[in-house]
Amino acid sequence: MRKLILKNALSPGDIVLLTAAVRDLHRCYPGRFLTDVRTSCAELWMHNPYLTPLRETDPEVEVIPCEYPLIHQSNHAPYHCIHGFIDFLNARLGLQIRPTAFKGDLHLSAQEKAWISQVHELTGAEVPFWIIVAGGKYDVTIKWWDRERYQKVVDHFRDRVLFVQVGSLGHHHPRLNGVVDLRGRTDMRQLVRLVYHAQGVICPVTGLMHLAAAVEVKDPSWRHRPCVVVAGGREPVHWEAYPHHQFIHTLGTLSCCRDGGCWRSRTVPLGDGDSRDGRQQLCADVVNGLPQCMHMITAEEVIRRVEFYDQGGRLRRLTSAEQAAGGRAVRLTRDNPFDELRLSPPSAGLATADFLKTLPPYPAKYRGRGLLVCGGSGVTTLGILALVRKLRRLGSVSPVEFWHLGLGASDARSDAQLKALGVRCLDARVIRRLHPARRLREQELRAYALVHSRFREIILLSPDQSPRTNPECLFSEVAYRQCGAVFPRLSISPAHGLRWRWNGVDSRMEPIPDIRRGWIDKKRVWKALQLHLWLHEHSDFFHRRLGGSHGMALFAFKKVEQPFRLIG
């Protein structure tokens, strides 16, 4: 009896395909092999009856790194990905294994099947649900569809279908509204059990598509689980599609996929140093941020495919009681910290683009002109009092906001004098209760105060500044009237050596604004201020990479193409 240890470190979807090859090896050659595996996802092999624990040090054991070179023939040869590892093992071992089932081979124990699902735990009832994936990994972004289109699908079936959004930590999975949000809240085995309980699946070409086919259906009368796959034109249909799935593709319609899948990796470069940023790996036809092949697939088409299952009796609509239970689960999972996790080089550029898509419009609540001073840990009311007194002697009459992060015990007399001089002291920690911020420390305070100050036009002052003239006079200068933002020029250039190209901004050497001081019309530069604040809320990633607060300010203005002027 031959002893085999099969190795593979690819993604979970590939491991599902390897489970099929192991099953078919034993079905075609019963009693002739002992097999064990070393793969990237051990959870997919739990309760597998075809595995026997083996040691690599055993001299009788053959250790085989498994590949599937058949994929390189996929555009023209009549094979499904199920054949990939089988073809490899046949060539390596001199066998004639053949597929015995059109799916992977995953097993749940009787105990696992008896457990209630995570959705049942949240709803308190056996509520039918569909799983939805609205993103994917950063290695192959060309497979992503549009978040707004997924949202249209969810909204269309509101009160008929309860959707459960899943996604792994560290991957790109933008939040959908009105769903049970389990992003980052399932390990692989929990996901397998969730699929077992799921009525259906909506996803791109990803591991969940393979799980939808491989995991047995809870109701055996159904035989196959409904699944709608938003595929586009990257992979050939015959290689990826399972026969009982609604596989939405655009192959043969575009020059880039007329002879089969393009097999490219990314829509745009991410600048993370990965070889997939190479020209030959990038989409050749991008429309509104999507590959043309994915752009051609509308939300209405995906809705239509789900409706097919409804018309065929494969979609059980929610009852009024189930709607209420599902609504409770949606509310219970709404505060998912998935989106607040630290960014990474692959995710930062896309997260920035996503933020700019949802940028709130300028609100009309800001009024008038005023002076803004932000205090750090060493700033006291006495220091601010000295600064404001000098400004008043120079002729400044504008009201002043002094933003801080808690002054501790302050001097009552100084407080009264500040109030008499038109100074309003604001503790940002209190404001944060109304306007939440991911991070709010001294280095984020200025960006936060600029957005949330009550003034529309702001003179930003440094607390240690010693002005020689009334700063309000610059409001009448041509430079300010032209663009609505004027800053002093820094004598040094922190932009030196910065690598911004990953986020679509030129990184050449240039003068940089001193963000500690400036003249700003919030209405005219609102987008830049919003991005400036968002960058500071993610300063744990951006501060070092963009050259500190001054570099982040320059980046924000350049990213939204907002002109500004430098003086001095």
Protein backbone atom coordinates (compact mmCIF):
# COMPACT_ATOMS: atom_id res chain seq x y z
CA MET A 1 0.00 0.00 0.00
CA ARG A 2 1.55 3.32 -1.10
CA LYS A 3 1.76 6.09 1.44
CA LEU A 4 1.32 9.65 0.20
CA ILE A 5 1.56 13.06 1.88
CA LEU A 6 0.09 15.68 -0.44
CA LYS A 7 1.23 19.27 0.05
CA ASN A 8 -0.28 22.51 -1.16
CA ALA A 9 -0.15 26.08 0.21
CA LEU A 10 -2.63 27.78 -2.12
CA SER A 11 -5.91 29.47 -1.18
CA PRO A 12 -8.91 27.71 0.42
CA GLY A 13 -10.70 27.38 -2.92
CA ASP A 14 -7.75 25.43 -4.31
CA ILE A 15 -7.69 23.21 -1.23
CA VAL A 16 -11.38 22.38 -1.79
CA LEU A 17 -10.37 21.12 -5.24
CA LEU A 18 -7.62 19.01 -3.71
CA THR A 19 -10.20 17.36 -1.43
CA ALA A 20 -11.97 16.20 -4.60
CA ALA A 21 -8.75 14.68 -5.96
CA VAL A 22 -8.14 12.75 -2.72
CA ARG A 23 -11.71 11.44 -2.74
CA ASP A 24 -11.47 10.33 -6.34
CA LEU A 25 -8.07 8.72 -5.81
CA HIS A 26 -9.55 6.44 -3.15
CA ARG A 27 -12.77 5.77 -5.03
CA CYS A 28 -10.91 4.79 -8.19
CA TYR A 29 -8.19 2.81 -6.37
CA PRO A 30 -9.81 1.53 -3.15
CA GLY A 31 -7.43 0.04 -0.59
CA ARG A 32 -4.27 0.89 -2.54
CA PHE A 33 -3.24 4.16 -0.88
CA LEU A 34 -2.83 5.76 2.52
CA THR A 35 -3.00 9.54 2.24
CA ASP A 36 -2.29 12.50 4.48
CA VAL A 37 -2.08 16.19 3.66
CA ARG A 38 -0.11 19.32 4.55
CA THR A 39 -2.06 22.31 3.27
CA SER A 40 -2.77 25.94 4.07
CA CYS A 41 -6.24 25.19 5.43
CA ALA A 42 -6.41 22.21 7.76
CA GLU A 43 -10.02 23.01 8.72
CA LEU A 44 -11.21 21.84 5.32
CA TRP A 45 -9.96 18.32 6.03
CA MET A 46 -11.74 17.76 9.34
CA HIS A 47 -13.65 14.44 9.52
CA ASN A 48 -12.30 13.43 6.11
CA PRO A 49 -12.54 9.60 5.91
CA TYR A 50 -9.76 9.33 3.33
CA LEU A 51 -6.95 10.65 5.53
CA THR A 52 -4.55 8.58 7.63
CA PRO A 53 -1.96 10.32 9.87
CA LEU A 54 1.48 9.84 8.31
CA ARG A 55 4.96 11.09 9.19
CA GLU A 56 7.20 12.73 6.63
CA THR A 57 10.19 11.00 8.23
CA ASP A 58 8.74 7.59 7.37
CA PRO A 59 10.99 6.21 4.57
CA GLU A 60 7.95 4.62 2.90
CA VAL A 61 6.12 7.93 2.61
CA GLU A 62 6.13 9.84 -0.70
CA VAL A 63 5.85 13.58 -0.15
CA ILE A 64 4.24 15.21 -3.18
CA PRO A 65 3.93 19.01 -3.65
CA CYS A 66 0.69 19.18 -5.63
CA GLU A 67 0.19 21.50 -8.59
CA TYR A 68 -2.34 21.78 -11.38
CA PRO A 69 -0.53 22.77 -14.61
CA LEU A 70 -3.71 21.89 -16.49
CA ILE A 71 -4.87 25.45 -15.73
CA HIS A 72 -2.52 26.71 -18.45
CA GLN A 73 -4.64 24.86 -21.01
CA SER A 74 -7.94 25.99 -19.50
CA ASN A 75 -8.92 28.44 -22.24
CA HIS A 76 -8.95 25.73 -24.89
CA ALA A 77 -8.95 22.26 -23.32
CA PRO A 78 -12.36 20.88 -22.22
CA TYR A 79 -11.63 20.50 -18.51
CA HIS A 80 -13.08 21.81 -15.24
CA CYS A 81 -10.88 22.90 -12.34
CA ILE A 82 -11.95 19.66 -10.61
CA HIS A 83 -9.64 17.91 -13.13
CA GLY A 84 -6.59 20.00 -12.19
CA PHE A 85 -5.09 18.05 -9.29
CA ILE A 86 -6.43 14.77 -10.68
CA ASP A 87 -4.52 15.29 -13.93
CA PHE A 88 -1.37 16.11 -11.94
CA LEU A 89 -1.64 12.99 -9.75
CA ASN A 90 -2.30 10.80 -12.77
CA ALA A 91 0.90 12.01 -14.41
CA ARG A 92 2.94 11.85 -11.22
CA LEU A 93 1.75 8.44 -10.01
CA GLY A 94 1.00 6.74 -13.33
CA LEU A 95 -2.72 6.41 -12.57
CA GLN A 96 -6.05 6.93 -14.32
CA ILE A 97 -8.08 8.71 -11.66
CA ARG A 98 -11.33 10.14 -12.94
CA PRO A 99 -13.72 12.59 -11.25
CA THR A 100 -16.55 10.85 -9.42
CA ALA A 101 -18.48 13.96 -8.30
CA PHE A 102 -18.77 17.51 -9.63
CA LYS A 103 -17.73 19.17 -6.36
CA GLY A 104 -15.15 19.16 -3.61
CA ASP A 105 -15.33 16.74 -0.71
CA LEU A 106 -16.02 18.37 2.65
CA HIS A 107 -17.40 16.54 5.68
CA LEU A 108 -19.32 17.68 8.75
CA SER A 109 -19.71 15.55 11.83
CA ALA A 110 -23.14 14.68 13.17
CA GLN A 111 -22.41 16.97 16.10
CA GLU A 112 -21.60 19.91 13.80
CA LYS A 113 -24.83 19.38 11.86
CA ALA A 114 -26.76 19.42 15.13
CA TRP A 115 -25.33 22.79 16.16
CA ILE A 116 -27.36 25.88 15.38
CA SER A 117 -25.86 28.43 13.03
CA GLN A 118 -24.42 31.81 14.01
CA VAL A 119 -27.48 33.36 12.40
CA HIS A 120 -29.75 31.23 14.57
CA GLU A 121 -27.80 32.40 17.63
CA LEU A 122 -28.44 36.02 16.66
CA THR A 123 -32.08 35.66 15.60
CA GLY A 124 -33.17 33.10 18.16
CA ALA A 125 -34.94 31.19 15.39
CA GLU A 126 -34.30 29.04 12.33
CA VAL A 127 -34.40 31.91 9.80
CA PRO A 128 -33.44 31.15 6.17
CA PHE A 129 -30.57 33.25 4.85
CA TRP A 130 -28.23 33.76 1.91
CA ILE A 131 -24.49 34.40 2.24
CA ILE A 132 -23.03 37.31 0.27
CA VAL A 133 -19.42 38.29 -0.46
CA ALA A 134 -18.88 41.86 -1.70
CA GLY A 135 -15.09 41.91 -2.09
CA GLY A 136 -12.13 39.61 -2.02
CA LYS A 137 -8.37 39.31 -1.62
CA TYR A 138 -5.93 41.93 -2.82
CA ASP A 139 -3.96 39.53 -5.00
CA VAL A 140 -6.67 39.36 -7.70
CA THR A 141 -8.76 42.53 -7.49
CA ILE A 142 -9.92 42.09 -11.08
CA LYS A 143 -12.56 39.67 -9.73
CA TRP A 144 -14.23 42.31 -7.55
CA TRP A 145 -17.61 43.72 -8.49
CA ASP A 146 -19.04 47.06 -7.33
CA ARG A 147 -20.18 47.52 -3.74
CA GLU A 148 -23.10 49.76 -4.78
CA ARG A 149 -24.39 47.04 -7.11
CA TYR A 150 -24.25 44.43 -4.37
CA GLN A 151 -26.17 46.90 -2.21
CA LYS A 152 -28.86 47.20 -4.88
CA VAL A 153 -29.27 43.43 -4.82
CA VAL A 154 -29.63 43.42 -1.03
CA ASP A 155 -32.11 46.31 -1.13
CA HIS A 156 -34.20 44.66 -3.83
CA PHE A 157 -34.79 41.56 -1.72
CA ARG A 158 -35.32 43.41 1.55
CA ASP A 159 -38.04 41.68 3.63
CA ARG A 160 -37.83 38.64 1.33
CA VAL A 161 -34.24 37.45 1.88
CA LEU A 162 -31.95 37.84 4.88
CA PHE A 163 -28.38 38.34 3.66
CA VAL A 164 -25.33 37.49 5.76
CA GLN A 165 -22.11 39.23 4.71
CA VAL A 166 -18.85 37.36 5.29
CA GLY A 167 -15.20 38.10 4.58
CA SER A 168 -11.78 37.37 6.02
CA LEU A 169 -9.76 39.82 8.08
CA GLY A 170 -7.08 41.54 6.03
CA HIS A 171 -9.08 41.31 2.82
CA HIS A 172 -11.24 43.92 1.10
CA HIS A 173 -14.89 43.55 2.04
CA PRO A 174 -16.76 46.89 2.00
CA ARG A 175 -19.69 47.14 4.37
CA LEU A 176 -23.19 46.47 3.05
CA ASN A 177 -26.22 47.95 4.76
CA GLY A 178 -29.17 45.88 5.94
CA VAL A 179 -27.22 42.63 6.28
CA VAL A 180 -26.12 40.44 9.17
CA ASP A 181 -22.50 41.52 9.31
CA LEU A 182 -20.21 38.56 10.05
CA ARG A 183 -17.14 39.94 8.29
CA GLY A 184 -14.10 38.87 10.25
CA ARG A 185 -16.28 36.89 12.64
CA THR A 186 -15.98 33.40 11.18
CA ASP A 187 -13.00 31.12 10.98
CA MET A 188 -12.89 28.62 8.13
CA ARG A 189 -14.72 25.88 10.00
CA GLN A 190 -17.43 28.30 11.11
CA LEU A 191 -17.79 29.39 7.50
CA VAL A 192 -18.23 25.77 6.40
CA ARG A 193 -20.99 25.31 8.98
CA LEU A 194 -22.57 28.61 7.92
CA VAL A 195 -22.65 27.41 4.31
CA TYR A 196 -24.29 24.17 5.49
CA HIS A 197 -27.16 26.18 6.99
CA ALA A 198 -27.33 28.73 4.14
CA GLN A 199 -30.16 28.69 1.63
CA GLY A 200 -28.01 30.27 -1.09
CA VAL A 201 -24.84 32.21 -1.93
CA ILE A 202 -23.95 35.32 -3.96
CA CYS A 203 -20.25 35.84 -4.62
CA PRO A 204 -17.53 36.45 -7.21
CA VAL A 205 -15.25 33.64 -8.36
CA THR A 206 -13.81 32.84 -4.95
CA GLY A 207 -13.44 30.11 -2.36
CA LEU A 208 -17.05 30.51 -1.24
CA MET A 209 -18.21 29.47 -4.70
CA HIS A 210 -16.39 26.15 -4.26
CA LEU A 211 -17.76 25.76 -0.72
CA ALA A 212 -21.30 26.39 -2.00
CA ALA A 213 -20.92 23.32 -4.21
CA ALA A 214 -18.86 21.14 -1.86
CA VAL A 215 -20.75 21.49 1.43
CA GLU A 216 -23.78 19.23 1.60
CA VAL A 217 -27.22 20.81 1.60
CA LYS A 218 -29.07 20.76 4.91
CA ASP A 219 -32.34 19.86 3.21
CA PRO A 220 -31.47 16.73 1.16
CA SER A 221 -34.51 17.18 -1.05
CA TRP A 222 -32.79 20.22 -2.62
CA ARG A 223 -29.63 18.27 -3.63
CA HIS A 224 -27.78 21.45 -4.72
CA ARG A 225 -27.38 24.83 -3.05
CA PRO A 226 -28.41 27.92 -5.08
CA CYS A 227 -25.43 30.08 -5.96
CA VAL A 228 -25.13 33.19 -8.13
CA VAL A 229 -21.56 33.91 -9.26
CA VAL A 230 -20.56 37.35 -10.62
CA ALA A 231 -17.74 36.13 -12.85
CA GLY A 232 -17.00 38.57 -15.69
CA GLY A 233 -14.36 37.49 -18.19
CA ARG A 234 -11.29 36.43 -16.24
CA GLU A 235 -11.78 32.65 -16.17
CA PRO A 236 -13.27 30.37 -18.84
CA VAL A 237 -16.77 29.22 -17.94
CA HIS A 238 -16.12 25.51 -18.43
CA TRP A 239 -13.12 25.70 -16.08
CA GLU A 240 -14.88 27.44 -13.16
CA ALA A 241 -18.66 27.03 -13.35
CA TYR A 242 -20.54 24.33 -11.46
CA PRO A 243 -23.51 23.05 -13.48
CA HIS A 244 -26.17 24.01 -10.93
CA HIS A 245 -24.85 27.57 -10.33
CA GLN A 246 -25.96 30.76 -12.05
CA PHE A 247 -22.54 31.75 -13.44
CA ILE A 248 -22.77 35.29 -14.90
CA HIS A 249 -19.97 35.84 -17.39
CA THR A 250 -19.08 38.08 -20.34
CA LEU A 251 -16.65 35.76 -22.15
CA GLY A 252 -16.59 36.13 -25.90
CA THR A 253 -18.03 39.66 -25.80
CA LEU A 254 -14.83 41.70 -25.51
CA SER A 255 -11.55 41.60 -27.41
CA CYS A 256 -9.65 40.90 -24.18
CA CYS A 257 -11.63 37.73 -23.45
CA ARG A 258 -12.85 36.64 -26.87
CA ASP A 259 -10.64 33.51 -26.88
CA GLY A 260 -11.17 32.61 -23.22
CA GLY A 261 -10.45 34.15 -19.86
CA CYS A 262 -7.85 36.92 -19.70
CA TRP A 263 -6.43 35.50 -16.44
CA ARG A 264 -5.16 38.94 -15.43
CA SER A 265 -4.85 39.85 -11.77
CA ARG A 266 -5.58 43.48 -10.95
CA THR A 267 -7.81 46.26 -12.16
CA VAL A 268 -5.27 48.97 -11.24
CA PRO A 269 -1.84 48.72 -9.59
CA LEU A 270 -1.80 48.74 -5.80
CA GLY A 271 1.85 49.71 -5.41
CA ASP A 272 2.50 47.02 -2.81
CA GLY A 273 5.53 45.57 -4.56
CA ASP A 274 3.64 42.51 -5.81
CA SER A 275 4.46 41.24 -9.31
CA ARG A 276 0.72 41.38 -10.05
CA ASP A 277 1.17 45.15 -10.49
CA GLY A 278 3.06 44.42 -13.69
CA ARG A 279 1.61 45.75 -16.92
CA GLN A 280 0.76 42.30 -18.27
CA GLN A 281 -1.18 41.50 -15.09
CA LEU A 282 -3.37 44.62 -15.18
CA CYS A 283 -6.81 44.89 -16.72
CA ALA A 284 -6.67 46.19 -20.29
CA ASP A 285 -10.12 47.81 -20.24
CA VAL A 286 -11.16 49.67 -17.07
CA VAL A 287 -14.49 51.55 -16.93
CA ASN A 288 -15.42 53.64 -13.89
CA GLY A 289 -13.02 51.72 -11.70
CA LEU A 290 -14.26 48.29 -12.80
CA PRO A 291 -12.99 45.89 -15.44
CA GLN A 292 -15.23 46.32 -18.47
CA CYS A 293 -16.27 42.67 -18.19
CA MET A 294 -17.53 43.28 -14.63
CA HIS A 295 -18.96 46.71 -15.46
CA MET A 296 -21.20 45.05 -18.05
CA ILE A 297 -22.86 42.94 -15.35
CA THR A 298 -25.65 44.99 -13.81
CA ALA A 299 -27.32 44.66 -10.45
CA GLU A 300 -30.53 43.91 -12.32
CA GLU A 301 -28.91 40.87 -13.94
CA VAL A 302 -27.84 39.46 -10.57
CA ILE A 303 -31.31 40.14 -9.20
CA ARG A 304 -32.80 38.31 -12.18
CA ARG A 305 -30.68 35.23 -11.50
CA VAL A 306 -31.74 35.14 -7.84
CA GLU A 307 -35.33 35.57 -8.99
CA PHE A 308 -34.87 32.40 -11.09
CA TYR A 309 -34.45 30.45 -7.87
CA ASP A 310 -37.52 32.17 -6.45
CA GLN A 311 -39.59 31.27 -9.51
CA GLY A 312 -38.36 27.68 -9.32
CA GLY A 313 -39.34 27.34 -5.66
CA ARG A 314 -35.76 27.27 -4.42
CA LEU A 315 -35.99 30.52 -2.45
CA ARG A 316 -38.11 30.50 0.70
CA ARG A 317 -39.28 34.00 1.48
CA LEU A 318 -39.15 35.37 5.01
CA THR A 319 -42.30 35.40 7.08
CA SER A 320 -43.17 38.54 9.04
CA ALA A 321 -41.81 36.94 12.22
CA GLU A 322 -38.58 36.00 10.43
CA GLN A 323 -38.27 39.53 9.07
CA ALA A 324 -38.42 40.89 12.61
CA ALA A 325 -35.88 38.32 13.86
CA GLY A 326 -33.57 39.08 10.94
CA GLY A 327 -33.85 42.80 11.66
CA ARG A 328 -32.67 42.19 15.22
CA ALA A 329 -29.64 40.27 13.91
CA VAL A 330 -28.80 43.11 11.53
CA ARG A 331 -28.89 45.59 14.42
CA LEU A 332 -26.85 43.33 16.72
CA THR A 333 -24.02 43.06 14.18
CA ARG A 334 -24.05 46.67 13.00
CA ASP A 335 -21.09 47.72 15.18
CA ASN A 336 -18.61 45.46 13.45
CA PRO A 337 -15.04 46.81 13.91
CA PHE A 338 -13.95 45.21 10.60
CA ASP A 339 -13.67 48.62 8.86
CA GLU A 340 -11.70 50.17 11.71
CA LEU A 341 -8.77 47.77 11.52
CA ARG A 342 -5.37 49.12 10.61
CA LEU A 343 -4.80 49.55 6.90
CA SER A 344 -2.14 47.69 4.96
CA PRO A 345 -0.14 48.62 1.83
CA PRO A 346 -2.53 46.71 -0.48
CA SER A 347 -5.66 48.07 1.18
CA ALA A 348 -4.74 51.72 1.76
CA GLY A 349 -5.19 53.01 -1.77
CA LEU A 350 -8.51 51.22 -2.22
CA ALA A 351 -9.73 52.35 1.20
CA THR A 352 -8.88 55.94 0.26
CA ALA A 353 -10.83 55.61 -2.98
CA ASP A 354 -13.79 54.07 -1.13
CA PHE A 355 -13.77 56.94 1.35
CA LEU A 356 -13.79 59.55 -1.42
CA LYS A 357 -16.78 57.83 -3.02
CA THR A 358 -18.81 58.33 0.17
CA LEU A 359 -17.56 61.81 0.99
CA PRO A 360 -20.30 63.81 2.74
CA PRO A 361 -21.26 67.07 1.02
CA TYR A 362 -20.38 70.39 2.59
CA PRO A 363 -23.01 71.18 5.25
CA ALA A 364 -24.43 74.67 5.45
CA LYS A 365 -24.13 74.85 9.25
CA TYR A 366 -20.74 76.61 9.37
CA ARG A 367 -20.85 80.37 9.74
CA GLY A 368 -18.52 83.36 9.81
CA ARG A 369 -14.82 83.81 10.32
CA GLY A 370 -12.78 82.87 13.34
CA LEU A 371 -9.39 81.98 14.73
CA LEU A 372 -8.60 78.38 15.63
CA VAL A 373 -5.87 77.33 18.06
CA CYS A 374 -5.18 73.69 18.97
CA GLY A 375 -3.36 72.91 22.19
CA GLY A 376 -1.13 69.98 22.99
CA SER A 377 -0.13 68.62 26.36
CA GLY A 378 2.17 71.55 27.17
CA VAL A 379 -0.30 74.31 26.33
CA THR A 380 -2.12 76.11 29.15
CA THR A 381 -4.86 78.70 29.31
CA LEU A 382 -2.24 81.26 30.34
CA GLY A 383 -0.32 80.65 27.10
CA ILE A 384 -3.48 81.02 25.01
CA LEU A 385 -4.40 84.13 26.97
CA ALA A 386 -1.06 85.73 26.05
CA LEU A 387 -1.51 84.85 22.37
CA VAL A 388 -5.06 86.24 22.17
CA ARG A 389 -4.14 89.44 23.98
CA LYS A 390 -1.42 90.09 21.41
CA LEU A 391 -3.87 89.40 18.58
CA ARG A 392 -6.33 91.89 20.03
CA ARG A 393 -3.59 94.54 20.29
CA LEU A 394 -2.84 93.95 16.59
CA GLY A 395 -6.48 94.70 15.74
CA SER A 396 -7.97 91.19 15.49
CA VAL A 397 -11.65 91.17 16.45
CA SER A 398 -12.68 87.66 15.30
CA PRO A 399 -13.90 85.08 17.82
CA VAL A 400 -11.44 82.38 18.86
CA GLU A 401 -11.85 78.64 19.43
CA PHE A 402 -9.26 76.89 21.56
CA TRP A 403 -9.43 73.11 21.04
CA HIS A 404 -7.75 70.79 23.51
CA LEU A 405 -7.83 67.23 24.86
CA GLY A 406 -8.47 68.10 28.50
CA LEU A 407 -6.64 70.81 30.37
CA GLY A 408 -6.97 69.27 33.83
CA ALA A 409 -7.37 71.84 36.60
CA SER A 410 -7.59 75.27 34.95
CA ASP A 411 -7.35 78.72 36.48
CA ALA A 412 -10.82 80.23 36.99
CA ARG A 413 -9.50 83.75 36.53
CA SER A 414 -7.80 82.84 33.22
CA ASP A 415 -11.01 81.15 32.04
CA ALA A 416 -12.98 84.30 32.73
CA GLN A 417 -10.42 86.47 30.96
CA LEU A 418 -10.45 84.18 27.90
CA LYS A 419 -14.23 84.34 27.75
CA ALA A 420 -14.09 88.14 27.97
CA LEU A 421 -11.68 88.16 24.99
CA GLY A 422 -14.08 86.06 22.88
CA VAL A 423 -12.32 82.73 23.34
CA ARG A 424 -14.35 79.53 23.49
CA CYS A 425 -12.54 76.52 24.99
CA LEU A 426 -13.58 73.17 23.50
CA ASP A 427 -12.60 69.73 24.78
CA ALA A 428 -12.36 67.48 21.71
CA ARG A 429 -13.02 64.43 23.88
CA VAL A 430 -16.52 65.78 24.53
CA ILE A 431 -17.10 66.71 20.86
CA ARG A 432 -16.05 63.20 19.93
CA ARG A 433 -19.22 61.82 21.52
CA LEU A 434 -21.22 63.60 18.81
CA HIS A 435 -18.66 63.20 16.01
CA PRO A 436 -16.79 59.89 16.51
CA ALA A 437 -13.20 59.52 15.36
CA ARG A 438 -11.17 56.35 15.04
CA ARG A 439 -8.09 58.01 16.55
CA LEU A 440 -7.93 61.34 18.39
CA ARG A 441 -4.66 62.27 20.03
CA GLU A 442 -2.52 65.40 19.84
CA GLN A 443 -1.33 64.73 16.29
CA GLU A 444 -4.92 64.20 15.08
CA LEU A 445 -6.45 67.13 16.99
CA ARG A 446 -5.80 69.84 14.41
CA ALA A 447 -7.36 67.90 11.52
CA TYR A 448 -10.36 67.07 13.71
CA ALA A 449 -10.86 70.68 14.85
CA LEU A 450 -10.62 72.07 11.31
CA VAL A 451 -13.59 69.96 10.22
CA HIS A 452 -15.73 70.38 13.35
CA SER A 453 -15.08 74.03 14.20
CA ARG A 454 -18.20 76.19 13.90
CA PHE A 455 -16.46 78.66 11.56
CA ARG A 456 -16.64 78.52 7.80
CA GLU A 457 -13.49 80.64 7.26
CA ILE A 458 -10.66 79.85 9.61
CA ILE A 459 -7.34 81.36 10.55
CA LEU A 460 -5.35 78.46 11.94
CA LEU A 461 -2.76 79.50 14.52
CA SER A 462 -0.06 77.65 16.39
CA PRO A 463 -0.24 78.14 20.18
CA ASP A 464 3.46 79.11 20.31
CA GLN A 465 3.10 81.61 17.48
CA SER A 466 4.08 85.25 17.95
CA PRO A 467 2.25 87.21 15.21
CA ARG A 468 3.59 90.61 14.15
CA THR A 469 0.56 91.72 12.15
CA ASN A 470 -3.17 91.12 12.28
CA PRO A 471 -3.58 87.75 10.45
CA GLU A 472 -7.12 88.69 9.33
CA CYS A 473 -5.69 90.96 6.65
CA LEU A 474 -4.77 87.97 4.49
CA PHE A 475 -8.46 87.21 3.87
CA SER A 476 -8.43 90.08 1.38
CA GLU A 477 -5.32 88.91 -0.46
CA VAL A 478 -5.56 87.63 -4.04
CA ALA A 479 -3.96 84.28 -3.17
CA TYR A 480 -6.72 83.48 -0.68
CA ARG A 481 -9.54 84.71 -2.90
CA GLN A 482 -8.31 82.51 -5.76
CA CYS A 483 -8.28 79.14 -4.03
CA GLY A 484 -9.55 79.41 -0.45
CA ALA A 485 -6.46 77.89 1.19
CA VAL A 486 -3.14 79.58 2.01
CA PHE A 487 -0.36 78.10 4.16
CA PRO A 488 3.15 79.17 5.11
CA ARG A 489 5.88 77.34 3.24
CA LEU A 490 7.98 74.92 5.28
CA SER A 491 11.73 75.48 5.09
CA ILE A 492 12.22 71.71 4.75
CA SER A 493 10.45 69.25 2.46
CA PRO A 494 9.23 66.08 4.21
CA ALA A 495 8.00 64.94 0.80
CA HIS A 496 11.55 63.82 -0.01
CA GLY A 497 11.60 60.13 -0.83
CA LEU A 498 7.88 59.59 -0.26
CA ARG A 499 6.24 56.87 -2.32
CA TRP A 500 2.70 58.00 -3.04
CA ARG A 501 2.27 56.44 -6.46
CA TRP A 502 0.39 53.48 -4.92
CA ASN A 503 -2.39 55.94 -4.17
CA GLY A 504 -2.46 57.75 -7.49
CA VAL A 505 -0.51 60.86 -6.43
CA ASP A 506 2.79 62.01 -7.90
CA SER A 507 5.56 61.91 -5.30
CA ARG A 508 8.05 64.37 -6.80
CA MET A 509 9.95 66.79 -4.57
CA GLU A 510 8.03 70.00 -3.99
CA PRO A 511 7.40 72.62 -1.30
CA ILE A 512 5.12 71.51 1.47
CA PRO A 513 2.55 73.45 3.53
CA ASP A 514 3.03 74.20 7.21
CA ILE A 515 -0.32 72.83 8.42
CA ARG A 516 0.17 74.39 11.88
CA ARG A 517 -0.90 77.73 10.41
CA GLY A 518 -3.09 78.82 7.52
CA TRP A 519 -6.11 80.61 6.09
CA ILE A 520 -8.87 78.21 5.05
CA ASP A 521 -12.34 78.52 3.52
CA LYS A 522 -13.94 75.23 4.53
CA LYS A 523 -16.63 75.37 1.87
CA ARG A 524 -14.13 75.68 -0.96
CA VAL A 525 -11.69 73.04 0.28
CA TRP A 526 -14.17 70.72 2.02
CA LYS A 527 -13.09 67.55 0.21
CA ALA A 528 -9.45 68.12 1.08
CA LEU A 529 -10.27 68.75 4.75
CA GLN A 530 -12.39 65.62 4.94
CA LEU A 531 -9.65 63.49 3.41
CA HIS A 532 -7.08 65.20 5.65
CA LEU A 533 -9.10 64.17 8.71
CA TRP A 534 -9.60 60.60 7.43
CA LEU A 535 -5.85 60.23 6.87
CA HIS A 536 -5.25 61.35 10.44
CA GLU A 537 -7.87 58.91 11.74
CA HIS A 538 -5.68 56.25 10.12
CA SER A 539 -2.43 57.88 11.16
CA ASP A 540 -1.17 54.52 12.45
CA PHE A 541 -0.68 53.70 8.76
CA PHE A 542 -0.33 57.04 6.96
CA HIS A 543 1.76 59.17 9.35
CA ARG A 544 5.08 57.50 8.61
CA ARG A 545 4.34 56.76 4.95
CA LEU A 546 3.17 60.25 3.98
CA GLY A 547 5.71 62.29 5.92
CA GLY A 548 3.81 63.23 9.07
CA SER A 549 1.00 65.78 9.44
CA HIS A 550 2.46 68.19 6.89
CA GLY A 551 2.89 65.46 4.30
CA MET A 552 -0.65 64.19 4.92
CA ALA A 553 -1.98 67.71 4.32
CA LEU A 554 -0.13 67.97 1.01
CA PHE A 555 -1.32 64.52 -0.01
CA ALA A 556 -4.97 65.34 0.80
CA PHE A 557 -4.99 68.51 -1.30
CA LYS A 558 -3.22 66.84 -4.23
CA LYS A 559 -5.39 63.71 -4.12
CA VAL A 560 -8.64 65.69 -4.58
CA GLU A 561 -6.89 68.14 -6.95
CA GLN A 562 -7.62 71.08 -4.66
CA PRO A 563 -5.32 74.06 -5.37
CA PHE A 564 -3.74 76.02 -2.52
CA ARG A 565 -1.11 78.73 -2.17
CA LEU A 566 2.11 78.90 -0.16
CA ILE A 567 3.57 82.10 1.27
CA GLY A 568 6.85 82.95 2.93
